[in-house]
């Protein structure tokens, strides 16, 4: 896994329990296989400072991670489902 923040500290641990505690869920249909994941975390440290940390599952290359971030951005902006209709003029 990779981290994003130089000041993130040295402790690395599984975070499934943290995600469960935040109520994060996903729709995965019968027969589908989750083959990779990226996690972006907003972390507040003991001093009240906020940082972002990002991790990904092993096996995801940089191009897959970049693509996943781009698609997530489109989904969040609401433009992922929009299709451009060509002018008929």
Protein backbone atom coordinates (compact mmCIF):
# COMPACT_ATOMS: atom_id res chain seq x y z
CA UNK A 1 0.00 0.00 0.00
CA UNK A 2 1.12 3.55 -0.53
CA UNK A 3 0.57 6.63 1.57
CA UNK A 4 0.23 10.21 0.43
CA UNK A 5 1.38 12.35 3.34
CA UNK A 6 5.02 12.65 4.39
CA UNK A 7 3.89 13.41 7.95
CA UNK A 8 1.54 10.44 8.11
CA UNK A 9 3.72 8.66 10.66
CA UNK A 10 5.05 5.16 10.52
CA UNK A 11 2.10 3.08 11.69
CA UNK A 12 0.44 1.22 8.83
CA UNK A 13 -2.45 -1.10 9.57
CA UNK A 14 -5.55 -2.55 7.91
CA UNK A 15 -8.40 -0.04 7.95
CA UNK A 16 -11.43 -2.21 7.23
CA UNK A 17 -12.74 -1.63 10.76
CA UNK A 18 -12.33 2.13 10.34
CA UNK A 19 -14.30 2.10 7.07
CA UNK A 20 -16.98 -0.10 8.65
CA UNK A 21 -17.22 2.34 11.57
CA UNK A 22 -17.82 5.20 9.14
CA UNK A 23 -20.71 3.28 7.58
CA UNK A 24 -19.11 2.98 4.14
CA UNK A 25 -20.88 0.50 1.90
CA UNK A 26 -20.67 -0.49 -1.76
CA UNK A 27 -22.95 -2.32 -4.14
CA UNK A 28 -21.37 -5.53 -5.36
CA UNK A 29 -23.68 -7.91 -7.18
CA UNK A 30 -23.65 -11.69 -6.95
CA UNK A 31 -20.80 -13.06 -9.07
CA UNK A 32 -18.90 -9.75 -9.25
CA UNK A 33 -15.30 -9.58 -8.03
CA UNK A 34 -13.73 -6.49 -6.49
CA UNK A 35 -10.24 -6.46 -7.99
CA UNK A 36 -8.81 -3.26 -6.55
CA UNK A 37 -9.54 -0.29 -4.34
CA UNK A 38 -8.35 3.19 -3.52
CA UNK A 39 -9.13 4.89 -0.24
CA UNK A 40 -8.90 8.63 0.40
CA UNK A 41 -8.99 9.53 4.09
CA UNK A 42 -9.46 12.83 5.89
CA UNK A 43 -7.49 12.43 9.12
CA UNK A 44 -7.52 14.76 12.13
CA UNK A 45 -4.46 14.33 14.33
CA UNK A 46 -4.08 14.88 18.07
CA UNK A 47 -3.27 18.58 17.53
CA UNK A 48 -6.45 19.11 15.51
CA UNK A 49 -4.55 19.43 12.23
CA UNK A 50 -6.17 17.86 9.18
CA UNK A 51 -4.39 15.91 6.46
CA UNK A 52 -5.37 13.72 3.55
CA UNK A 53 -4.03 10.23 3.19
CA UNK A 54 -4.51 7.90 0.24
CA UNK A 55 -3.84 4.19 -0.07
CA UNK A 56 -4.49 1.61 -2.73
CA UNK A 57 -4.57 -2.13 -2.97
CA UNK A 58 -1.57 -4.01 -4.27
CA UNK A 59 -1.53 -4.60 -7.99
CA UNK A 60 -3.13 -1.31 -9.08
CA UNK A 61 -0.81 0.46 -11.49
CA UNK A 62 -0.51 4.23 -11.67
CA UNK A 63 -2.65 4.45 -14.81
CA UNK A 64 -5.48 2.49 -13.14
CA UNK A 65 -5.25 4.70 -10.05
CA UNK A 66 -5.30 7.88 -12.16
CA UNK A 67 -8.30 6.56 -14.10
CA UNK A 68 -10.16 5.62 -10.93
CA UNK A 69 -9.58 9.10 -9.48
CA UNK A 70 -10.83 10.72 -12.69
CA UNK A 71 -13.98 8.59 -12.79
CA UNK A 72 -14.61 9.32 -9.10
CA UNK A 73 -14.31 13.03 -9.86
CA UNK A 74 -16.84 12.71 -12.69
CA UNK A 75 -19.24 10.75 -10.49
CA UNK A 76 -18.99 13.33 -7.69
CA UNK A 77 -19.56 16.23 -10.10
CA UNK A 78 -22.62 14.53 -11.54
CA UNK A 79 -21.26 14.51 -15.08
CA UNK A 80 -20.45 10.79 -15.32
CA UNK A 81 -23.96 9.86 -16.45
CA UNK A 82 -24.41 12.73 -18.88
CA UNK A 83 -23.96 12.08 -22.55
CA UNK A 84 -23.30 14.76 -25.07
CA UNK A 85 -25.86 14.82 -27.87
CA UNK A 86 -24.46 16.01 -31.20
CA UNK A 87 -26.12 18.96 -32.92
CA UNK A 88 -28.62 17.95 -35.51
CA UNK A 89 -28.37 21.27 -37.36
